[in-house]
Amino acid sequence: MNYKIMNQYPIKDYLAGMGIHPTKDKGYYGMYHSPFREDKDASMKVDYDKNLWIDFGSNEGGTLIDLVMRMENCTNGEAMRLLEQKLSGAPYYSFHGNNTPMYEKERGTMQITNIAELNTPALLDYLNKRGIDTDIAKQQCQEINYTVNDKPYYGIGFRNQSGGYEIRNPYFKGCIAPKDISYIQQTEKKEACYLFEGFIDYLSFLTLRKNQNPQFPCSVWHDYIVLNSTVNLPKAMRQLVGYEKIHCFLDNDTAGKTAYKELEKEFGLRVRDTSRHYSEHKDLNDFLCSKNRTKIAEHDKVAKPTLQLPKRKNKGLKM
């Protein structure tokens, strides 16, 4: 799939798939809160007809590929690889400005070819770079081999309660349908449920807990829900009925804050905004990575040998 086809995919639909929606929709353009910086006034405009975006606050803009590069902090090639998998797995879309459907040969579907234990070094290295304990990841995830338009790919798979899989690898973030929440129920009492947007944050939480308390890395006395997208919030709400406490580990962005407000409206004082503990970070994984960077810096500082030159005695000048 070439860059021209990628850039015709509606930016509005791409953002919606990420749980990002306009605060103002005029039909031919929408105003959004910037997805890559703090933005109180919704200063990013998406022109639906031209399929272009501009962020008035940072004076940036461009095509869909430009937006992915900015959001994912990646190169042009990495953005295209990410989009190739994401868009090839889309069941159907039509181009804005006309009603011509995408060519059949370009549509494709994602087909699972094998499910195995998570062992591929490249995937484990990806998790390591994100600060995730790989032993925990092996317990909670699987390695998924799949094809898109007969091209083979592989990624980290996290199963949802409908049998679909969230897929992650260094270049792709998507889902093999059906899309749903993941519900990890470990008790019958419904005392507390911990809520996360994505499974990387869920694995980050388990990693942080293991680091603090190695004997109980999985917190068997709590239940967990992973939304796998804020779009799935209504499904999670039905599952959350009856819990005494709901701890929200959501992202510090517009989608996360909106989801928290919806939960607070529905469940009142039972809801806890746990994101305050990492308020200076975009999400829980970013917080985990920052702690690891600090730990590495401190280790390097201690381990770095100090060069001390031997003292020389001043014997004076000999005449």
C-alpha atoms as a PDB file:
ATOM      1  CA  MET A   1       0.000   0.000   0.000  1.00  0.00           C
ATOM      2  CA  ASN A   2       1.611   3.288  -1.080  1.00  0.00           C
ATOM      3  CA  TYR A   3       1.579   6.660   0.693  1.00  0.00           C
ATOM      4  CA  LYS A   4      -1.142   8.113  -1.571  1.00  0.00           C
ATOM      5  CA  ILE A   5      -3.618   5.423  -0.542  1.00  0.00           C
ATOM      6  CA  MET A   6      -2.642   5.768   3.115  1.00  0.00           C
ATOM      7  CA  ASN A   7      -3.165   9.519   3.066  1.00  0.00           C
ATOM      8  CA  GLN A   8      -6.676   9.105   1.656  1.00  0.00           C
ATOM      9  CA  TYR A   9      -7.859   7.274   4.748  1.00  0.00           C
ATOM     10  CA  PRO A  10      -9.992   9.802   6.714  1.00  0.00           C
ATOM     11  CA  ILE A  11      -8.077  11.452   9.533  1.00  0.00           C
ATOM     12  CA  LYS A  12     -11.382  11.725  11.400  1.00  0.00           C
ATOM     13  CA  ASP A  13     -11.795   7.929  11.311  1.00  0.00           C
ATOM     14  CA  TYR A  14      -8.193   7.341  12.332  1.00  0.00           C
ATOM     15  CA  LEU A  15      -8.568   9.620  15.366  1.00  0.00           C
ATOM     16  CA  ALA A  16     -11.898   8.001  16.271  1.00  0.00           C
ATOM     17  CA  GLY A  17     -10.160   4.625  16.266  1.00  0.00           C
ATOM     18  CA  MET A  18      -7.762   6.052  18.837  1.00  0.00           C
ATOM     19  CA  GLY A  19     -10.673   7.235  21.001  1.00  0.00           C
ATOM     20  CA  ILE A  20     -10.196  10.882  19.966  1.00  0.00           C
ATOM     21  CA  HIS A  21     -13.300  12.806  18.870  1.00  0.00           C
ATOM     22  CA  PRO A  22     -13.977  16.442  17.894  1.00  0.00           C
ATOM     23  CA  THR A  23     -15.283  18.880  20.479  1.00  0.00           C
ATOM     24  CA  LYS A  24     -16.934  20.771  17.622  1.00  0.00           C
ATOM     25  CA  ASP A  25     -18.060  19.174  14.353  1.00  0.00           C
ATOM     26  CA  LYS A  26     -19.235  21.445  11.529  1.00  0.00           C
ATOM     27  CA  GLY A  27     -19.787  18.680   9.004  1.00  0.00           C
ATOM     28  CA  TYR A  28     -16.908  19.642   6.729  1.00  0.00           C
ATOM     29  CA  TYR A  29     -14.337  20.214   9.479  1.00  0.00           C
ATOM     30  CA  GLY A  30     -13.861  19.411  13.155  1.00  0.00           C
ATOM     31  CA  MET A  31     -11.990  21.014  16.060  1.00  0.00           C
ATOM     32  CA  TYR A  32      -9.991  18.688  18.313  1.00  0.00           C
ATOM     33  CA  HIS A  33      -7.885  18.896  21.416  1.00  0.00           C
ATOM     34  CA  SER A  34      -4.334  18.271  20.258  1.00  0.00           C
ATOM     35  CA  PRO A  35      -3.465  14.595  20.864  1.00  0.00           C
ATOM     36  CA  PHE A  36       0.231  15.292  21.430  1.00  0.00           C
ATOM     37  CA  ARG A  37       0.288  18.248  23.853  1.00  0.00           C
ATOM     38  CA  GLU A  38      -1.744  19.895  26.599  1.00  0.00           C
ATOM     39  CA  ASP A  39      -4.527  21.756  24.830  1.00  0.00           C
ATOM     40  CA  LYS A  40      -7.414  23.333  26.746  1.00  0.00           C
ATOM     41  CA  ASP A  41      -8.992  25.183  23.819  1.00  0.00           C
ATOM     42  CA  ALA A  42      -9.306  22.457  21.121  1.00  0.00           C
ATOM     43  CA  SER A  43      -6.927  24.172  18.702  1.00  0.00           C
ATOM     44  CA  MET A  44      -6.369  21.392  16.162  1.00  0.00           C
ATOM     45  CA  LYS A  45      -8.521  21.596  13.028  1.00  0.00           C
ATOM     46  CA  VAL A  46      -9.186  18.639  10.717  1.00  0.00           C
ATOM     47  CA  ASP A  47     -10.513  19.521   7.255  1.00  0.00           C
ATOM     48  CA  TYR A  48     -12.680  16.532   6.304  1.00  0.00           C
ATOM     49  CA  ASP A  49     -12.897  17.408   2.593  1.00  0.00           C
ATOM     50  CA  LYS A  50      -9.170  17.999   2.072  1.00  0.00           C
ATOM     51  CA  ASN A  51      -8.265  15.356   4.686  1.00  0.00           C
ATOM     52  CA  LEU A  52      -5.625  17.598   6.227  1.00  0.00           C
ATOM     53  CA  TRP A  53      -4.972  18.774   9.787  1.00  0.00           C
ATOM     54  CA  ILE A  54      -3.424  21.835  11.359  1.00  0.00           C
ATOM     55  CA  ASP A  55      -2.533  22.487  14.980  1.00  0.00           C
ATOM     56  CA  PHE A  56      -2.795  26.232  15.487  1.00  0.00           C
ATOM     57  CA  GLY A  57      -1.117  26.023  18.886  1.00  0.00           C
ATOM     58  CA  SER A  58       2.109  24.451  17.621  1.00  0.00           C
ATOM     59  CA  ASN A  59       1.887  25.689  13.998  1.00  0.00           C
ATOM     60  CA  GLU A  60       2.141  22.146  12.638  1.00  0.00           C
ATOM     61  CA  GLY A  61       0.002  20.289  10.137  1.00  0.00           C
ATOM     62  CA  GLY A  62      -0.161  18.025   7.116  1.00  0.00           C
ATOM     63  CA  THR A  63      -1.428  14.646   5.988  1.00  0.00           C
ATOM     64  CA  LEU A  64      -2.433  11.542   7.927  1.00  0.00           C
ATOM     65  CA  ILE A  65       1.139  10.208   7.730  1.00  0.00           C
ATOM     66  CA  ASP A  66       2.416  13.500   9.160  1.00  0.00           C
ATOM     67  CA  LEU A  67      -0.082  13.178  12.014  1.00  0.00           C
ATOM     68  CA  VAL A  68       0.984   9.597  12.809  1.00  0.00           C
ATOM     69  CA  MET A  69       4.645  10.656  12.787  1.00  0.00           C
ATOM     70  CA  ARG A  70       3.837  13.412  15.277  1.00  0.00           C
ATOM     71  CA  MET A  71       1.588  11.301  17.517  1.00  0.00           C
ATOM     72  CA  GLU A  72       3.875   8.256  17.613  1.00  0.00           C
ATOM     73  CA  ASN A  73       7.135  10.243  17.549  1.00  0.00           C
ATOM     74  CA  CYS A  74       8.432   8.098  14.706  1.00  0.00           C
ATOM     75  CA  THR A  75       9.985   8.425  11.261  1.00  0.00           C
ATOM     76  CA  ASN A  76       8.111   8.575   7.966  1.00  0.00           C
ATOM     77  CA  GLY A  77       8.956   4.944   7.206  1.00  0.00           C
ATOM     78  CA  GLU A  78       7.832   3.737  10.637  1.00  0.00           C
ATOM     79  CA  ALA A  79       4.557   5.673  10.308  1.00  0.00           C
ATOM     80  CA  MET A  80       3.889   4.079   6.923  1.00  0.00           C
ATOM     81  CA  ARG A  81       4.592   0.583   8.275  1.00  0.00           C
ATOM     82  CA  LEU A  82       2.239   1.209  11.184  1.00  0.00           C
ATOM     83  CA  LEU A  83      -0.488   2.512   8.873  1.00  0.00           C
ATOM     84  CA  GLU A  84      -0.016  -0.305   6.369  1.00  0.00           C
ATOM     85  CA  GLN A  85      -0.945  -2.886   8.980  1.00  0.00           C
ATOM     86  CA  LYS A  86      -3.677  -0.779  10.551  1.00  0.00           C
ATOM     87  CA  LEU A  87      -5.402   0.157   7.301  1.00  0.00           C
ATOM     88  CA  SER A  88      -4.954  -3.214   5.622  1.00  0.00           C
ATOM     89  CA  GLY A  89      -6.798  -4.734   8.554  1.00  0.00           C
ATOM     90  CA  ALA A  90      -9.707  -2.306   8.244  1.00  0.00           C
ATOM     91  CA  PRO A  91     -12.842  -4.115   7.042  1.00  0.00           C
ATOM     92  CA  TYR A  92     -13.910  -1.294   4.746  1.00  0.00           C
ATOM     93  CA  TYR A  93     -13.662   2.424   4.202  1.00  0.00           C
ATOM     94  CA  SER A  94     -14.492   4.933   1.498  1.00  0.00           C
ATOM     95  CA  PHE A  95     -12.421   7.945   0.569  1.00  0.00           C
ATOM     96  CA  HIS A  96     -13.576  11.381   1.668  1.00  0.00           C
ATOM     97  CA  GLY A  97     -14.641  13.574  -1.235  1.00  0.00           C
ATOM     98  CA  ASN A  98     -16.144  10.669  -3.169  1.00  0.00           C
ATOM     99  CA  ASN A  99     -17.875   7.372  -2.548  1.00  0.00           C
ATOM    100  CA  THR A 100     -15.366   5.137  -4.303  1.00  0.00           C
ATOM    101  CA  PRO A 101     -14.549   2.183  -2.057  1.00  0.00           C
ATOM    102  CA  MET A 102     -11.006   1.061  -1.497  1.00  0.00           C
ATOM    103  CA  TYR A 103      -9.936  -1.531  -4.051  1.00  0.00           C
ATOM    104  CA  GLU A 104     -10.601  -5.091  -2.972  1.00  0.00           C
ATOM    105  CA  LYS A 105      -6.940  -6.020  -3.309  1.00  0.00           C
ATOM    106  CA  GLU A 106      -6.028  -3.197  -0.924  1.00  0.00           C
ATOM    107  CA  ARG A 107      -8.581  -3.999   1.772  1.00  0.00           C
ATOM    108  CA  GLY A 108      -7.480  -7.320   3.147  1.00  0.00           C
ATOM    109  CA  THR A 109      -8.320  -8.926   6.458  1.00  0.00           C
ATOM    110  CA  MET A 110      -6.187  -9.966   9.385  1.00  0.00           C
ATOM    111  CA  GLN A 111      -6.048 -13.739   9.774  1.00  0.00           C
ATOM    112  CA  ILE A 112      -4.425 -15.536  12.720  1.00  0.00           C
ATOM    113  CA  THR A 113      -2.116 -18.334  11.567  1.00  0.00           C
ATOM    114  CA  ASN A 114      -0.597 -19.391  14.897  1.00  0.00           C
ATOM    115  CA  ILE A 115      -0.820 -18.687  18.628  1.00  0.00           C
ATOM    116  CA  ALA A 116       2.189 -19.563  20.770  1.00  0.00           C
ATOM    117  CA  GLU A 117       4.115 -18.633  23.887  1.00  0.00           C
ATOM    118  CA  LEU A 118       5.678 -15.194  23.784  1.00  0.00           C
ATOM    119  CA  ASN A 119       9.344 -15.871  22.986  1.00  0.00           C
ATOM    120  CA  THR A 120      10.546 -13.932  19.925  1.00  0.00           C
ATOM    121  CA  PRO A 121      13.547 -11.779  20.956  1.00  0.00           C
ATOM    122  CA  ALA A 122      12.355  -8.732  18.975  1.00  0.00           C
ATOM    123  CA  LEU A 123       9.037  -8.659  20.858  1.00  0.00           C
ATOM    124  CA  LEU A 124      10.677  -9.220  24.236  1.00  0.00           C
ATOM    125  CA  ASP A 125      13.131  -6.437  23.437  1.00  0.00           C
ATOM    126  CA  TYR A 126      10.191  -4.154  22.572  1.00  0.00           C
ATOM    127  CA  LEU A 127       8.642  -4.893  25.977  1.00  0.00           C
ATOM    128  CA  ASN A 128      11.968  -4.343  27.720  1.00  0.00           C
ATOM    129  CA  LYS A 129      12.271  -0.923  26.115  1.00  0.00           C
ATOM    130  CA  ARG A 130       8.845  -0.073  27.514  1.00  0.00           C
ATOM    131  CA  GLY A 131       9.904  -1.192  30.976  1.00  0.00           C
ATOM    132  CA  ILE A 132       7.639  -4.261  31.070  1.00  0.00           C
ATOM    133  CA  ASP A 133       8.664  -7.321  33.078  1.00  0.00           C
ATOM    134  CA  THR A 134       8.845 -10.022  30.396  1.00  0.00           C
ATOM    135  CA  ASP A 135       7.940 -12.845  32.800  1.00  0.00           C
ATOM    136  CA  ILE A 136       4.667 -11.038  33.553  1.00  0.00           C
ATOM    137  CA  ALA A 137       4.098 -10.414  29.838  1.00  0.00           C
ATOM    138  CA  LYS A 138       4.555 -14.128  29.114  1.00  0.00           C
ATOM    139  CA  GLN A 139       1.903 -14.953  31.732  1.00  0.00           C
ATOM    140  CA  GLN A 140      -0.616 -12.415  30.443  1.00  0.00           C
ATOM    141  CA  CYS A 141       0.004 -12.387  26.671  1.00  0.00           C
ATOM    142  CA  GLN A 142       0.705 -14.659  23.742  1.00  0.00           C
ATOM    143  CA  GLU A 143       2.627 -14.430  20.516  1.00  0.00           C
ATOM    144  CA  ILE A 144       0.337 -14.108  17.516  1.00  0.00           C
ATOM    145  CA  ASN A 145       1.346 -14.882  13.938  1.00  0.00           C
ATOM    146  CA  TYR A 146      -1.078 -13.398  11.436  1.00  0.00           C
ATOM    147  CA  THR A 147      -1.362 -12.364   7.816  1.00  0.00           C
ATOM    148  CA  VAL A 148      -2.639  -9.230   6.083  1.00  0.00           C
ATOM    149  CA  ASN A 149      -3.162  -9.642   2.338  1.00  0.00           C
ATOM    150  CA  ASP A 150      -1.109 -12.866   2.585  1.00  0.00           C
ATOM    151  CA  LYS A 151       1.831 -10.967   4.087  1.00  0.00           C
ATOM    152  CA  PRO A 152       3.072 -12.549   7.344  1.00  0.00           C
ATOM    153  CA  TYR A 153       3.406 -10.518  10.554  1.00  0.00           C
ATOM    154  CA  TYR A 154       3.757 -11.271  14.238  1.00  0.00           C
ATOM    155  CA  GLY A 155       3.029  -9.383  17.430  1.00  0.00           C
ATOM    156  CA  ILE A 156       2.187  -9.489  21.123  1.00  0.00           C
ATOM    157  CA  GLY A 157      -1.413 -10.606  21.560  1.00  0.00           C
ATOM    158  CA  PHE A 158      -3.687  -9.778  24.496  1.00  0.00           C
ATOM    159  CA  ARG A 159      -6.997 -11.631  24.442  1.00  0.00           C
ATOM    160  CA  ASN A 160     -10.346  -9.947  25.084  1.00  0.00           C
ATOM    161  CA  GLN A 161     -13.469 -11.588  26.432  1.00  0.00           C
ATOM    162  CA  SER A 162     -14.976 -12.102  22.955  1.00  0.00           C
ATOM    163  CA  GLY A 163     -11.984 -14.019  21.638  1.00  0.00           C
ATOM    164  CA  GLY A 164     -10.348 -11.159  19.729  1.00  0.00           C
ATOM    165  CA  TYR A 165      -6.774 -10.008  20.267  1.00  0.00           C
ATOM    166  CA  GLU A 166      -5.171  -6.620  20.796  1.00  0.00           C
ATOM    167  CA  ILE A 167      -1.922  -6.709  18.830  1.00  0.00           C
ATOM    168  CA  ARG A 168       1.252  -4.739  19.498  1.00  0.00           C
ATOM    169  CA  ASN A 169       4.680  -4.715  17.927  1.00  0.00           C
ATOM    170  CA  PRO A 170       7.190  -1.893  17.375  1.00  0.00           C
ATOM    171  CA  TYR A 171       5.328  -0.736  14.245  1.00  0.00           C
ATOM    172  CA  PHE A 172       1.702  -1.637  14.815  1.00  0.00           C
ATOM    173  CA  LYS A 173      -1.091  -1.050  17.289  1.00  0.00           C
ATOM    174  CA  GLY A 174      -4.385  -2.674  16.375  1.00  0.00           C
ATOM    175  CA  CYS A 175      -6.881  -5.456  16.923  1.00  0.00           C
ATOM    176  CA  ILE A 176      -7.861  -8.756  15.376  1.00  0.00           C
ATOM    177  CA  ALA A 177     -11.657  -8.714  15.668  1.00  0.00           C
ATOM    178  CA  PRO A 178     -13.920  -8.966  17.500  1.00  0.00           C
ATOM    179  CA  LYS A 179     -13.126  -5.862  19.551  1.00  0.00           C
ATOM    180  CA  ASP A 180     -14.060  -5.996  23.246  1.00  0.00           C
ATOM    181  CA  ILE A 181     -12.875  -5.344  26.783  1.00  0.00           C
ATOM    182  CA  SER A 182     -10.639  -7.771  28.671  1.00  0.00           C
ATOM    183  CA  TYR A 183     -12.029  -8.758  32.065  1.00  0.00           C
ATOM    184  CA  ILE A 184      -9.694 -10.503  34.513  1.00  0.00           C
ATOM    185  CA  GLN A 185     -11.834 -11.639  37.423  1.00  0.00           C
ATOM    186  CA  GLN A 186      -9.886 -13.128  40.335  1.00  0.00           C
ATOM    187  CA  THR A 187     -12.392 -12.813  43.197  1.00  0.00           C
ATOM    188  CA  GLU A 188     -16.120 -13.222  43.785  1.00  0.00           C
ATOM    189  CA  LYS A 189     -16.483 -10.393  46.305  1.00  0.00           C
ATOM    190  CA  LYS A 190     -16.379  -7.444  43.848  1.00  0.00           C
ATOM    191  CA  GLU A 191     -14.541  -5.294  46.367  1.00  0.00           C
ATOM    192  CA  ALA A 192     -12.259  -3.459  43.937  1.00  0.00           C
ATOM    193  CA  CYS A 193     -11.646  -3.341  40.203  1.00  0.00           C
ATOM    194  CA  TYR A 194      -8.653  -1.685  38.532  1.00  0.00           C
ATOM    195  CA  LEU A 195      -9.442  -0.106  35.151  1.00  0.00           C
ATOM    196  CA  PHE A 196      -6.917   0.513  32.353  1.00  0.00           C
ATOM    197  CA  GLU A 197      -7.194   1.888  28.803  1.00  0.00           C
ATOM    198  CA  GLY A 198      -4.754  -0.531  27.191  1.00  0.00           C
ATOM    199  CA  PHE A 199      -2.953  -3.723  28.089  1.00  0.00           C
ATOM    200  CA  ILE A 200       0.496  -2.074  28.059  1.00  0.00           C
ATOM    201  CA  ASP A 201      -0.679   0.051  31.006  1.00  0.00           C
ATOM    202  CA  TYR A 202      -2.070  -3.081  32.665  1.00  0.00           C
ATOM    203  CA  LEU A 203       1.308  -4.822  32.272  1.00  0.00           C
ATOM    204  CA  SER A 204       3.001  -1.650  33.552  1.00  0.00           C
ATOM    205  CA  PHE A 205       0.891  -1.782  36.708  1.00  0.00           C
ATOM    206  CA  LEU A 206       1.753  -5.440  37.321  1.00  0.00           C
ATOM    207  CA  THR A 207       5.437  -4.634  36.754  1.00  0.00           C
ATOM    208  CA  LEU A 208       5.346  -1.754  39.234  1.00  0.00           C
ATOM    209  CA  ARG A 209       3.579  -3.925  41.798  1.00  0.00           C
ATOM    210  CA  LYS A 210       6.072  -6.750  41.340  1.00  0.00           C
ATOM    211  CA  ASN A 211       8.947  -4.326  41.833  1.00  0.00           C
ATOM    212  CA  GLN A 212       7.375  -3.149  45.089  1.00  0.00           C
ATOM    213  CA  ASN A 213       6.211  -6.555  46.302  1.00  0.00           C
ATOM    214  CA  PRO A 214       7.904  -9.463  44.481  1.00  0.00           C
ATOM    215  CA  GLN A 215       5.868 -12.078  46.378  1.00  0.00           C
ATOM    216  CA  PHE A 216       2.538 -10.870  44.948  1.00  0.00           C
ATOM    217  CA  PRO A 217       3.171  -9.652  41.389  1.00  0.00           C
ATOM    218  CA  CYS A 218      -0.360 -10.193  40.108  1.00  0.00           C
ATOM    219  CA  SER A 219      -2.465  -8.867  43.029  1.00  0.00           C
ATOM    220  CA  VAL A 220      -4.761 -11.867  43.274  1.00  0.00           C
ATOM    221  CA  TRP A 221      -7.115  -9.985  45.563  1.00  0.00           C
ATOM    222  CA  HIS A 222      -8.205  -7.542  42.849  1.00  0.00           C
ATOM    223  CA  ASP A 223     -10.068  -7.735  39.535  1.00  0.00           C
ATOM    224  CA  TYR A 224      -9.018  -5.920  36.375  1.00  0.00           C
ATOM    225  CA  ILE A 225     -10.677  -4.484  33.293  1.00  0.00           C
ATOM    226  CA  VAL A 226      -8.718  -3.355  30.225  1.00  0.00           C
ATOM    227  CA  LEU A 227     -10.857  -1.216  27.903  1.00  0.00           C
ATOM    228  CA  ASN A 228      -8.716  -1.838  24.796  1.00  0.00           C
ATOM    229  CA  SER A 229     -10.156   1.529  23.660  1.00  0.00           C
ATOM    230  CA  THR A 230     -12.268   4.152  25.405  1.00  0.00           C
ATOM    231  CA  VAL A 231     -14.932   3.316  22.813  1.00  0.00           C
ATOM    232  CA  ASN A 232     -15.572   0.186  24.908  1.00  0.00           C
ATOM    233  CA  LEU A 233     -16.394   2.180  28.060  1.00  0.00           C
ATOM    234  CA  PRO A 234     -20.153   1.306  27.991  1.00  0.00           C
ATOM    235  CA  LYS A 235     -19.251  -2.415  27.999  1.00  0.00           C
ATOM    236  CA  ALA A 236     -16.966  -1.884  30.979  1.00  0.00           C
ATOM    237  CA  MET A 237     -19.674   0.021  32.851  1.00  0.00           C
ATOM    238  CA  ARG A 238     -21.974  -2.976  32.674  1.00  0.00           C
ATOM    239  CA  GLN A 239     -19.226  -5.156  34.107  1.00  0.00           C
ATOM    240  CA  LEU A 240     -18.396  -2.652  36.871  1.00  0.00           C
ATOM    241  CA  VAL A 241     -21.870  -2.737  38.414  1.00  0.00           C
ATOM    242  CA  GLY A 242     -21.606  -3.963  42.009  1.00  0.00           C
ATOM    243  CA  TYR A 243     -17.969  -3.065  42.689  1.00  0.00           C
ATOM    244  CA  GLU A 244     -17.325  -1.140  45.905  1.00  0.00           C
ATOM    245  CA  LYS A 245     -14.310   0.708  44.492  1.00  0.00           C
ATOM    246  CA  ILE A 246     -13.185   1.420  40.928  1.00  0.00           C
ATOM    247  CA  HIS A 247      -9.578   2.579  40.533  1.00  0.00           C
ATOM    248  CA  CYS A 248      -9.029   4.326  37.183  1.00  0.00           C
ATOM    249  CA  PHE A 249      -5.549   4.184  35.660  1.00  0.00           C
ATOM    250  CA  LEU A 250      -6.525   6.149  32.552  1.00  0.00           C
ATOM    251  CA  ASP A 251      -4.411   8.315  30.264  1.00  0.00           C
ATOM    252  CA  ASN A 252      -3.806  11.970  31.038  1.00  0.00           C
ATOM    253  CA  ASP A 253      -5.381  13.180  27.809  1.00  0.00           C
ATOM    254  CA  THR A 254      -8.805  14.286  26.617  1.00  0.00           C
ATOM    255  CA  ALA A 255     -10.086  10.750  25.998  1.00  0.00           C
ATOM    256  CA  GLY A 256      -8.940   9.542  29.410  1.00  0.00           C
ATOM    257  CA  LYS A 257     -10.381  12.508  31.271  1.00  0.00           C
ATOM    258  CA  THR A 258     -13.682  12.243  29.415  1.00  0.00           C
ATOM    259  CA  ALA A 259     -13.919   8.537  30.258  1.00  0.00           C
ATOM    260  CA  TYR A 260     -13.255   9.260  33.928  1.00  0.00           C
ATOM    261  CA  LYS A 261     -16.019  11.874  34.031  1.00  0.00           C
ATOM    262  CA  GLU A 262     -18.455   9.357  32.533  1.00  0.00           C
ATOM    263  CA  LEU A 263     -17.504   6.796  35.164  1.00  0.00           C
ATOM    264  CA  GLU A 264     -17.791   9.350  37.953  1.00  0.00           C
ATOM    265  CA  LYS A 265     -21.227  10.350  36.685  1.00  0.00           C
ATOM    266  CA  GLU A 266     -22.350   6.712  36.681  1.00  0.00           C
ATOM    267  CA  PHE A 267     -20.734   5.411  39.891  1.00  0.00           C
ATOM    268  CA  GLY A 268     -20.127   8.533  41.995  1.00  0.00           C
ATOM    269  CA  LEU A 269     -17.820   8.246  45.000  1.00  0.00           C
ATOM    270  CA  ARG A 270     -16.924   4.651  44.223  1.00  0.00           C
ATOM    271  CA  VAL A 271     -14.633   5.889  41.441  1.00  0.00           C
ATOM    272  CA  ARG A 272     -11.011   6.835  42.222  1.00  0.00           C
ATOM    273  CA  ASP A 273      -8.866   8.868  39.815  1.00  0.00           C
ATOM    274  CA  THR A 274      -5.565   7.048  40.255  1.00  0.00           C
ATOM    275  CA  SER A 275      -3.985   8.924  37.331  1.00  0.00           C
ATOM    276  CA  ARG A 276      -3.099  11.711  39.784  1.00  0.00           C
ATOM    277  CA  HIS A 277      -0.135   9.582  40.844  1.00  0.00           C
ATOM    278  CA  TYR A 278       1.396  10.014  37.384  1.00  0.00           C
ATOM    279  CA  SER A 279      -0.119  13.395  36.467  1.00  0.00           C
ATOM    280  CA  GLU A 280       3.127  14.624  34.888  1.00  0.00           C
ATOM    281  CA  HIS A 281       3.164  11.702  32.446  1.00  0.00           C
ATOM    282  CA  LYS A 282       0.920  10.872  29.506  1.00  0.00           C
ATOM    283  CA  ASP A 283       0.044   7.412  30.851  1.00  0.00           C
ATOM    284  CA  LEU A 284       1.102   4.721  33.309  1.00  0.00           C
ATOM    285  CA  ASN A 285       3.651   3.180  30.954  1.00  0.00           C
ATOM    286  CA  ASP A 286       5.312   6.547  30.439  1.00  0.00           C
ATOM    287  CA  PHE A 287       5.529   6.815  34.238  1.00  0.00           C
ATOM    288  CA  LEU A 288       7.109   3.343  34.447  1.00  0.00           C
ATOM    289  CA  CYS A 289       9.634   4.210  31.738  1.00  0.00           C
ATOM    290  CA  SER A 290      10.587   7.417  33.546  1.00  0.00           C
ATOM    291  CA  LYS A 291      11.251   5.462  36.753  1.00  0.00           C
ATOM    292  CA  ASN A 292      13.452   3.040  34.832  1.00  0.00           C
ATOM    293  CA  ARG A 293      15.373   5.889  33.215  1.00  0.00           C
ATOM    294  CA  THR A 294      15.950   7.417  36.642  1.00  0.00           C
ATOM    295  CA  LYS A 295      17.120   4.069  38.046  1.00  0.00           C
ATOM    296  CA  ILE A 296      19.546   3.552  35.143  1.00  0.00           C
ATOM    297  CA  ALA A 297      20.915   7.088  35.530  1.00  0.00           C
ATOM    298  CA  GLU A 298      21.461   6.571  39.258  1.00  0.00           C
ATOM    299  CA  HIS A 299      23.147   3.208  38.616  1.00  0.00           C
ATOM    300  CA  ASP A 300      25.454   4.721  35.998  1.00  0.00           C
ATOM    301  CA  LYS A 301      26.324   7.559  38.358  1.00  0.00           C
ATOM    302  CA  VAL A 302      27.299   5.143  41.130  1.00  0.00           C
ATOM    303  CA  ALA A 303      29.044   2.660  38.846  1.00  0.00           C
ATOM    304  CA  LYS A 304      31.053   5.248  36.916  1.00  0.00           C
ATOM    305  CA  PRO A 305      34.606   5.147  38.233  1.00  0.00           C
ATOM    306  CA  THR A 306      36.090   8.401  39.386  1.00  0.00           C
ATOM    307  CA  LEU A 307      39.484   9.073  37.875  1.00  0.00           C
ATOM    308  CA  GLN A 308      41.898  10.221  40.539  1.00  0.00           C
ATOM    309  CA  LEU A 309      45.367  11.274  39.578  1.00  0.00           C
ATOM    310  CA  PRO A 310      48.111  10.373  42.025  1.00  0.00           C
ATOM    311  CA  LYS A 311      49.389  13.281  44.057  1.00  0.00           C
ATOM    312  CA  ARG A 312      52.850  14.385  43.142  1.00  0.00           C
ATOM    313  CA  LYS A 313      55.247  15.596  45.716  1.00  0.00           C
ATOM    314  CA  ASN A 314      56.638  19.037  45.106  1.00  0.00           C
ATOM    315  CA  LYS A 315      60.364  18.505  45.340  1.00  0.00           C
ATOM    316  CA  GLY A 316      61.186  21.919  44.010  1.00  0.00           C
ATOM    317  CA  LEU A 317      63.596  22.810  41.258  1.00  0.00           C
ATOM    318  CA  LYS A 318      67.119  21.509  41.251  1.00  0.00           C
ATOM    319  CA  MET A 319      69.705  24.072  40.271  1.00  0.00           C
END
